[in-house]
C-alpha atoms as a PDB file:
ATOM      1  CA  MET A   1      34.689  81.586  62.155  1.00  0.00           C
ATOM      2  CA  ALA A   2      38.263  81.205  63.415  1.00  0.00           C
ATOM      3  CA  VAL A   3      37.085  80.873  67.027  1.00  0.00           C
ATOM      4  CA  ILE A   4      34.522  78.259  66.042  1.00  0.00           C
ATOM      5  CA  LEU A   5      37.139  76.257  64.111  1.00  0.00           C
ATOM      6  CA  VAL A   6      39.543  76.315  67.061  1.00  0.00           C
ATOM      7  CA  PHE A   7      36.735  75.132  69.350  1.00  0.00           C
ATOM      8  CA  ILE A   8      35.897  72.281  66.960  1.00  0.00           C
ATOM      9  CA  ILE A   9      39.560  71.259  66.771  1.00  0.00           C
ATOM     10  CA  LEU A  10      39.828  71.238  70.576  1.00  0.00           C
ATOM     11  CA  LEU A  11      36.717  69.062  70.824  1.00  0.00           C
ATOM     12  CA  ILE A  12      38.192  66.611  68.324  1.00  0.00           C
ATOM     13  CA  ILE A  13      41.483  66.494  70.228  1.00  0.00           C
ATOM     14  CA  PHE A  14      39.668  65.727  73.479  1.00  0.00           C
ATOM     15  CA  ALA A  15      37.613  63.089  71.671  1.00  0.00           C
ATOM     16  CA  ILE A  16      40.809  61.485  70.388  1.00  0.00           C
ATOM     17  CA  TYR A  17      42.263  61.433  73.881  1.00  0.00           C
ATOM     18  CA  ALA A  18      39.073  59.959  75.343  1.00  0.00           C
ATOM     19  CA  LYS A  19      39.009  57.278  72.660  1.00  0.00           C
ATOM     20  CA  TYR A  20      42.644  56.214  72.964  1.00  0.00           C
ATOM     21  CA  LYS A  21      43.707  57.454  76.386  1.00  0.00           C
ATOM     22  CA  ASN A  22      44.440  53.981  77.761  1.00  0.00           C
ATOM     23  CA  ASP A  23      46.744  53.182  74.847  1.00  0.00           C
ATOM     24  CA  ALA A  24      48.303  56.641  74.965  1.00  0.00           C
ATOM     25  CA  ILE A  25      48.909  56.476  78.707  1.00  0.00           C
ATOM     26  CA  GLY A  26      50.315  52.975  78.289  1.00  0.00           C
ATOM     27  CA  VAL A  27      52.809  54.172  75.703  1.00  0.00           C
ATOM     28  CA  PHE A  28      53.845  57.118  77.850  1.00  0.00           C
ATOM     29  CA  THR A  29      54.139  55.390  81.226  1.00  0.00           C
ATOM     30  CA  GLN A  30      55.651  52.082  80.117  1.00  0.00           C
ATOM     31  CA  ASN A  31      58.092  53.424  77.546  1.00  0.00           C
ATOM     32  CA  PRO A  32      58.207  57.200  77.995  1.00  0.00           C
ATOM     33  CA  LEU A  33      59.461  58.839  74.800  1.00  0.00           C
ATOM     34  CA  LYS A  34      61.233  55.627  73.838  1.00  0.00           C
ATOM     35  CA  GLN A  35      59.523  55.240  70.476  1.00  0.00           C
ATOM     36  CA  THR A  36      60.419  57.872  67.913  1.00  0.00           C
ATOM     37  CA  VAL A  37      58.380  58.819  64.878  1.00  0.00           C
ATOM     38  CA  ILE A  38      59.939  60.928  62.125  1.00  0.00           C
ATOM     39  CA  VAL A  39      57.214  62.988  60.459  1.00  0.00           C
ATOM     40  CA  ASP A  40      58.194  64.288  57.051  1.00  0.00           C
ATOM     41  CA  ALA A  41      56.175  67.097  55.456  1.00  0.00           C
ATOM     42  CA  GLY A  42      56.989  66.600  51.795  1.00  0.00           C
ATOM     43  CA  HIS A  43      58.489  69.375  49.656  1.00  0.00           C
ATOM     44  CA  GLY A  44      58.946  72.923  51.001  1.00  0.00           C
ATOM     45  CA  GLY A  45      60.536  76.189  50.000  1.00  0.00           C
ATOM     46  CA  ALA A  46      60.996  76.553  46.244  1.00  0.00           C
ATOM     47  CA  ASP A  47      59.814  72.957  45.813  1.00  0.00           C
ATOM     48  CA  GLY A  48      56.048  73.290  46.023  1.00  0.00           C
ATOM     49  CA  GLY A  49      55.161  69.802  44.845  1.00  0.00           C
ATOM     50  CA  ALA A  50      51.939  69.154  42.946  1.00  0.00           C
ATOM     51  CA  ILE A  51      49.550  71.965  42.057  1.00  0.00           C
ATOM     52  CA  GLY A  52      45.858  71.399  42.757  1.00  0.00           C
ATOM     53  CA  VAL A  53      42.988  72.071  40.366  1.00  0.00           C
ATOM     54  CA  ASP A  54      42.382  75.410  42.097  1.00  0.00           C
ATOM     55  CA  GLY A  55      46.059  76.386  42.321  1.00  0.00           C
ATOM     56  CA  THR A  56      46.631  75.062  45.845  1.00  0.00           C
ATOM     57  CA  ILE A  57      50.253  74.066  46.414  1.00  0.00           C
ATOM     58  CA  GLU A  58      50.902  70.596  47.813  1.00  0.00           C
ATOM     59  CA  LYS A  59      53.638  71.631  50.262  1.00  0.00           C
ATOM     60  CA  GLU A  60      51.139  73.724  52.256  1.00  0.00           C
ATOM     61  CA  ILE A  61      48.718  70.830  52.797  1.00  0.00           C
ATOM     62  CA  ASN A  62      51.581  68.483  53.644  1.00  0.00           C
ATOM     63  CA  LEU A  63      52.807  70.768  56.413  1.00  0.00           C
ATOM     64  CA  GLN A  64      49.344  71.379  57.846  1.00  0.00           C
ATOM     65  CA  ILE A  65      48.639  67.649  58.134  1.00  0.00           C
ATOM     66  CA  ALA A  66      52.152  66.877  59.408  1.00  0.00           C
ATOM     67  CA  ASN A  67      51.880  69.464  62.185  1.00  0.00           C
ATOM     68  CA  LYS A  68      48.542  68.043  63.301  1.00  0.00           C
ATOM     69  CA  LEU A  69      50.007  64.533  63.237  1.00  0.00           C
ATOM     70  CA  ARG A  70      52.890  65.706  65.404  1.00  0.00           C
ATOM     71  CA  CYS A  71      50.502  67.104  68.026  1.00  0.00           C
ATOM     72  CA  ILE A  72      48.499  63.887  68.218  1.00  0.00           C
ATOM     73  CA  LEU A  73      51.563  61.639  68.406  1.00  0.00           C
ATOM     74  CA  GLN A  74      53.013  63.805  71.165  1.00  0.00           C
ATOM     75  CA  LEU A  75      49.704  63.477  72.986  1.00  0.00           C
ATOM     76  CA  TYR A  76      50.212  59.700  72.785  1.00  0.00           C
ATOM     77  CA  GLY A  77      53.667  60.126  74.327  1.00  0.00           C
ATOM     78  CA  TYR A  78      55.802  59.497  71.266  1.00  0.00           C
ATOM     79  CA  ASN A  79      58.989  61.397  70.570  1.00  0.00           C
ATOM     80  CA  VAL A  80      58.395  63.210  67.264  1.00  0.00           C
ATOM     81  CA  ILE A  81      61.084  64.512  64.935  1.00  0.00           C
ATOM     82  CA  MET A  82      59.921  66.820  62.144  1.00  0.00           C
ATOM     83  CA  THR A  83      62.010  67.041  58.992  1.00  0.00           C
ATOM     84  CA  ARG A  84      60.572  70.551  58.577  1.00  0.00           C
ATOM     85  CA  ASP A  85      58.079  72.571  60.601  1.00  0.00           C
ATOM     86  CA  ASP A  86      57.780  75.643  58.398  1.00  0.00           C
ATOM     87  CA  ASP A  87      57.602  76.479  54.694  1.00  0.00           C
ATOM     88  CA  ASP A  88      61.359  76.291  54.084  1.00  0.00           C
ATOM     89  CA  SER A  89      63.233  73.339  52.631  1.00  0.00           C
ATOM     90  CA  ILE A  90      66.140  72.002  54.684  1.00  0.00           C
ATOM     91  CA  HIS A  91      68.932  72.400  52.140  1.00  0.00           C
ATOM     92  CA  ASP A  92      72.464  73.443  53.052  1.00  0.00           C
ATOM     93  CA  GLU A  93      73.358  77.112  52.730  1.00  0.00           C
ATOM     94  CA  SER A  94      75.932  76.195  50.090  1.00  0.00           C
ATOM     95  CA  ALA A  95      73.155  75.086  47.718  1.00  0.00           C
ATOM     96  CA  LYS A  96      72.362  77.907  45.285  1.00  0.00           C
ATOM     97  CA  THR A  97      70.384  76.577  42.316  1.00  0.00           C
ATOM     98  CA  ILE A  98      66.928  74.997  42.633  1.00  0.00           C
ATOM     99  CA  ARG A  99      68.392  71.617  41.690  1.00  0.00           C
ATOM    100  CA  GLN A 100      71.168  71.922  44.271  1.00  0.00           C
ATOM    101  CA  LYS A 101      68.612  72.870  46.912  1.00  0.00           C
ATOM    102  CA  LYS A 102      66.395  69.873  46.081  1.00  0.00           C
ATOM    103  CA  VAL A 103      69.330  67.445  46.201  1.00  0.00           C
ATOM    104  CA  SER A 104      70.652  68.921  49.441  1.00  0.00           C
ATOM    105  CA  ASP A 105      67.163  68.890  50.976  1.00  0.00           C
ATOM    106  CA  ILE A 106      66.506  65.219  50.213  1.00  0.00           C
ATOM    107  CA  HIS A 107      69.953  64.207  51.498  1.00  0.00           C
ATOM    108  CA  ASN A 108      69.381  66.103  54.752  1.00  0.00           C
ATOM    109  CA  ARG A 109      66.056  64.314  55.210  1.00  0.00           C
ATOM    110  CA  GLU A 110      67.841  61.028  54.581  1.00  0.00           C
ATOM    111  CA  LYS A 111      70.430  62.020  57.188  1.00  0.00           C
ATOM    112  CA  ILE A 112      67.671  62.392  59.801  1.00  0.00           C
ATOM    113  CA  ILE A 113      66.550  58.843  59.038  1.00  0.00           C
ATOM    114  CA  ILE A 114      70.089  57.480  59.307  1.00  0.00           C
ATOM    115  CA  GLU A 115      70.656  59.263  62.625  1.00  0.00           C
ATOM    116  CA  ASN A 116      67.534  57.636  64.140  1.00  0.00           C
ATOM    117  CA  PRO A 117      67.832  53.894  63.428  1.00  0.00           C
ATOM    118  CA  ASP A 118      65.179  52.967  66.026  1.00  0.00           C
ATOM    119  CA  ALA A 119      62.510  55.292  64.636  1.00  0.00           C
ATOM    120  CA  VAL A 120      59.754  54.839  62.068  1.00  0.00           C
ATOM    121  CA  PHE A 121      59.452  57.250  59.148  1.00  0.00           C
ATOM    122  CA  ILE A 122      56.138  58.739  57.983  1.00  0.00           C
ATOM    123  CA  SER A 123      56.212  60.981  54.911  1.00  0.00           C
ATOM    124  CA  ILE A 124      53.140  63.103  54.147  1.00  0.00           C
ATOM    125  CA  HIS A 125      52.407  63.874  50.491  1.00  0.00           C
ATOM    126  CA  GLN A 126      49.527  64.500  48.086  1.00  0.00           C
ATOM    127  CA  ASN A 127      48.934  62.739  44.796  1.00  0.00           C
ATOM    128  CA  LYS A 128      48.059  63.999  41.318  1.00  0.00           C
ATOM    129  CA  TYR A 129      46.806  62.195  38.227  1.00  0.00           C
ATOM    130  CA  SER A 130      45.666  63.049  34.722  1.00  0.00           C
ATOM    131  CA  ASP A 131      42.261  61.423  35.357  1.00  0.00           C
ATOM    132  CA  ALA A 132      40.469  63.819  37.714  1.00  0.00           C
ATOM    133  CA  SER A 133      38.089  61.091  38.893  1.00  0.00           C
ATOM    134  CA  VAL A 134      40.839  59.175  40.722  1.00  0.00           C
ATOM    135  CA  HIS A 135      40.692  59.815  44.463  1.00  0.00           C
ATOM    136  CA  GLY A 136      41.559  58.465  47.887  1.00  0.00           C
ATOM    137  CA  THR A 137      44.545  57.794  50.123  1.00  0.00           C
ATOM    138  CA  GLN A 138      47.196  55.250  49.207  1.00  0.00           C
ATOM    139  CA  VAL A 139      50.170  54.248  51.367  1.00  0.00           C
ATOM    140  CA  PHE A 140      53.537  53.292  49.873  1.00  0.00           C
ATOM    141  CA  TYR A 141      56.222  51.409  51.797  1.00  0.00           C
ATOM    142  CA  SER A 142      59.961  50.803  51.699  1.00  0.00           C
ATOM    143  CA  LYS A 143      61.220  47.408  50.555  1.00  0.00           C
ATOM    144  CA  ASN A 144      64.276  47.570  52.809  1.00  0.00           C
ATOM    145  CA  ASN A 145      62.696  46.784  56.176  1.00  0.00           C
ATOM    146  CA  PRO A 146      60.373  43.797  56.744  1.00  0.00           C
ATOM    147  CA  LEU A 147      58.219  45.868  59.106  1.00  0.00           C
ATOM    148  CA  SER A 148      57.397  48.551  56.537  1.00  0.00           C
ATOM    149  CA  PRO A 149      54.446  46.650  54.974  1.00  0.00           C
ATOM    150  CA  SER A 150      52.879  46.188  58.411  1.00  0.00           C
ATOM    151  CA  LEU A 151      53.213  49.894  59.163  1.00  0.00           C
ATOM    152  CA  ALA A 152      51.713  50.762  55.777  1.00  0.00           C
ATOM    153  CA  GLN A 153      48.811  48.342  56.140  1.00  0.00           C
ATOM    154  CA  ASN A 154      47.899  49.546  59.621  1.00  0.00           C
ATOM    155  CA  VAL A 155      47.838  53.174  58.458  1.00  0.00           C
ATOM    156  CA  GLN A 156      45.882  52.363  55.279  1.00  0.00           C
ATOM    157  CA  ASN A 157      43.350  50.303  57.259  1.00  0.00           C
ATOM    158  CA  SER A 158      42.879  53.049  59.811  1.00  0.00           C
ATOM    159  CA  ILE A 159      42.243  55.710  57.171  1.00  0.00           C
ATOM    160  CA  VAL A 160      39.781  53.508  55.298  1.00  0.00           C
ATOM    161  CA  ASP A 161      37.928  52.496  58.471  1.00  0.00           C
ATOM    162  CA  ASN A 162      37.690  56.024  59.844  1.00  0.00           C
ATOM    163  CA  LEU A 163      37.370  58.235  56.770  1.00  0.00           C
ATOM    164  CA  GLN A 164      37.194  56.494  53.409  1.00  0.00           C
ATOM    165  CA  LYS A 165      34.874  53.497  53.425  1.00  0.00           C
ATOM    166  CA  ASP A 166      34.829  53.455  49.607  1.00  0.00           C
ATOM    167  CA  ASN A 167      38.621  53.390  49.277  1.00  0.00           C
ATOM    168  CA  TYR A 168      39.770  50.042  47.860  1.00  0.00           C
ATOM    169  CA  LYS A 169      43.362  51.014  47.136  1.00  0.00           C
ATOM    170  CA  LYS A 170      46.079  48.590  48.223  1.00  0.00           C
ATOM    171  CA  ILE A 171      49.355  49.465  49.873  1.00  0.00           C
ATOM    172  CA  LYS A 172      52.191  49.486  47.358  1.00  0.00           C
ATOM    173  CA  LYS A 173      55.927  48.834  47.507  1.00  0.00           C
ATOM    174  CA  SER A 174      57.864  51.874  46.361  1.00  0.00           C
ATOM    175  CA  GLY A 175      60.657  51.805  43.824  1.00  0.00           C
ATOM    176  CA  THR A 176      63.383  54.225  42.875  1.00  0.00           C
ATOM    177  CA  GLU A 177      60.804  56.953  42.232  1.00  0.00           C
ATOM    178  CA  ILE A 178      60.501  57.640  45.981  1.00  0.00           C
ATOM    179  CA  TYR A 179      64.093  58.349  46.989  1.00  0.00           C
ATOM    180  CA  LEU A 180      63.685  58.315  50.773  1.00  0.00           C
ATOM    181  CA  LEU A 181      61.755  55.044  50.854  1.00  0.00           C
ATOM    182  CA  TYR A 182      64.141  53.462  48.365  1.00  0.00           C
ATOM    183  CA  HIS A 183      67.120  54.204  50.614  1.00  0.00           C
ATOM    184  CA  SER A 184      65.623  54.077  54.114  1.00  0.00           C
ATOM    185  CA  GLN A 185      66.551  51.095  56.291  1.00  0.00           C
ATOM    186  CA  ILE A 186      63.994  51.734  59.063  1.00  0.00           C
ATOM    187  CA  PRO A 187      60.235  51.022  58.823  1.00  0.00           C
ATOM    188  CA  SER A 188      59.182  53.716  56.366  1.00  0.00           C
ATOM    189  CA  ILE A 189      56.025  54.738  54.525  1.00  0.00           C
ATOM    190  CA  MET A 190      54.712  57.572  52.389  1.00  0.00           C
ATOM    191  CA  VAL A 191      51.075  58.517  52.877  1.00  0.00           C
ATOM    192  CA  GLU A 192      49.667  59.959  49.658  1.00  0.00           C
ATOM    193  CA  CYS A 193      46.734  61.513  51.479  1.00  0.00           C
ATOM    194  CA  GLY A 194      44.606  62.293  48.443  1.00  0.00           C
ATOM    195  CA  PHE A 195      44.563  63.644  44.914  1.00  0.00           C
ATOM    196  CA  VAL A 196      44.866  67.395  44.427  1.00  0.00           C
ATOM    197  CA  SER A 197      43.694  66.710  40.865  1.00  0.00           C
ATOM    198  CA  ASN A 198      40.307  65.602  42.258  1.00  0.00           C
ATOM    199  CA  SER A 199      38.094  68.487  43.360  1.00  0.00           C
ATOM    200  CA  ASN A 200      36.370  66.544  46.152  1.00  0.00           C
ATOM    201  CA  ASP A 201      39.641  65.253  47.592  1.00  0.00           C
ATOM    202  CA  LEU A 202      41.176  68.707  47.387  1.00  0.00           C
ATOM    203  CA  SER A 203      38.226  70.309  49.158  1.00  0.00           C
ATOM    204  CA  ASP A 204      38.604  67.797  52.004  1.00  0.00           C
ATOM    205  CA  LEU A 205      42.387  68.134  52.149  1.00  0.00           C
ATOM    206  CA  LYS A 206      42.140  71.904  52.562  1.00  0.00           C
ATOM    207  CA  ASP A 207      39.628  71.607  55.412  1.00  0.00           C
ATOM    208  CA  GLY A 208      41.168  71.881  58.888  1.00  0.00           C
ATOM    209  CA  GLU A 209      38.702  69.503  60.519  1.00  0.00           C
ATOM    210  CA  TYR A 210      39.258  66.837  57.842  1.00  0.00           C
ATOM    211  CA  GLN A 211      43.030  67.274  58.164  1.00  0.00           C
ATOM    212  CA  LEU A 212      42.748  66.610  61.881  1.00  0.00           C
ATOM    213  CA  LYS A 213      40.658  63.484  61.322  1.00  0.00           C
ATOM    214  CA  LEU A 214      43.177  62.298  58.738  1.00  0.00           C
ATOM    215  CA  ALA A 215      46.064  62.945  61.135  1.00  0.00           C
ATOM    216  CA  GLU A 216      44.143  61.072  63.841  1.00  0.00           C
ATOM    217  CA  SER A 217      43.698  58.113  61.501  1.00  0.00           C
ATOM    218  CA  ILE A 218      47.397  58.050  60.617  1.00  0.00           C
ATOM    219  CA  ALA A 219      48.324  58.245  64.310  1.00  0.00           C
ATOM    220  CA  ASP A 220      45.843  55.474  65.086  1.00  0.00           C
ATOM    221  CA  GLY A 221      47.502  53.317  62.425  1.00  0.00           C
ATOM    222  CA  ILE A 222      50.934  53.965  63.931  1.00  0.00           C
ATOM    223  CA  LEU A 223      49.611  53.104  67.386  1.00  0.00           C
ATOM    224  CA  ASN A 224      48.116  49.855  66.047  1.00  0.00           C
ATOM    225  CA  TYR A 225      51.421  49.038  64.359  1.00  0.00           C
ATOM    226  CA  TYR A 226      53.314  49.353  67.643  1.00  0.00           C
ATOM    227  CA  LYS A 227      50.679  47.298  69.469  1.00  0.00           C
ATOM    228  CA  GLU A 228      50.997  44.622  66.807  1.00  0.00           C
ATOM    229  CA  GLN A 229      54.782  44.548  67.227  1.00  0.00           C
ATOM    230  CA  ASP A 230      54.425  44.317  71.013  1.00  0.00           C
ATOM    231  CA  GLU A 231      52.023  41.394  70.639  1.00  0.00           C
ATOM    232  CA  ASN A 232      54.329  39.629  68.181  1.00  0.00           C
ATOM    233  CA  ASN A 233      57.330  40.121  70.426  1.00  0.00           C
ATOM    234  CA  GLY A 234      55.327  38.900  73.404  1.00  0.00           C
ATOM    235  CA  SER A 235      54.273  35.731  71.611  1.00  0.00           C
ATOM    236  CA  LYS A 236      57.906  35.024  70.713  1.00  0.00           C
ATOM    237  CA  GLY A 237      58.915  35.417  74.349  1.00  0.00           C
END
């Protein structure tokens, strides 16, 4: 089964490249590694995030999708910075208690954003709700940068068009409840990929092929966002 899954993933990757190779090559040759995308796999370490209906821990799904997104964006020629690329949180060694580790972790993620003022920030998370029938991706955006809604809308549109035709959720401005978006000054979004409280969503989110298609859709939305900005800047010139 593992060999078959790897083969399927490779086929999908080649299909992605065939579909978007002109845009990807354009990004790479015209502005090689100029555009930076920060990919944030939410939670990590002792902070597992939401627990799915079958006991699946959110942090694991976040990292799996984030790693696939990184691969696709690098294929497009973007410079990708991961806030974490393994199961650990990124807290300082001086942090000892769980609370101290969480605070240190979120501040270190914020530091990455501050150190890359020309980047865009994409945070990958999963949602949970008391009503198990609620499902589907929803993208939240930071109020601090006027380009954040455009980034959010392009990603939401791409996911709906490619994967979730019955998803009628609207992008939403985040408040204080999402610390990184509340404080970030660069174009920033959080992609709540699905609901781990919904059995159908959770089944999809745990599937490697679906994760890859979701990562492709997010990457496609980012690509469309940059194309939109290029067109807007061109019209101003």
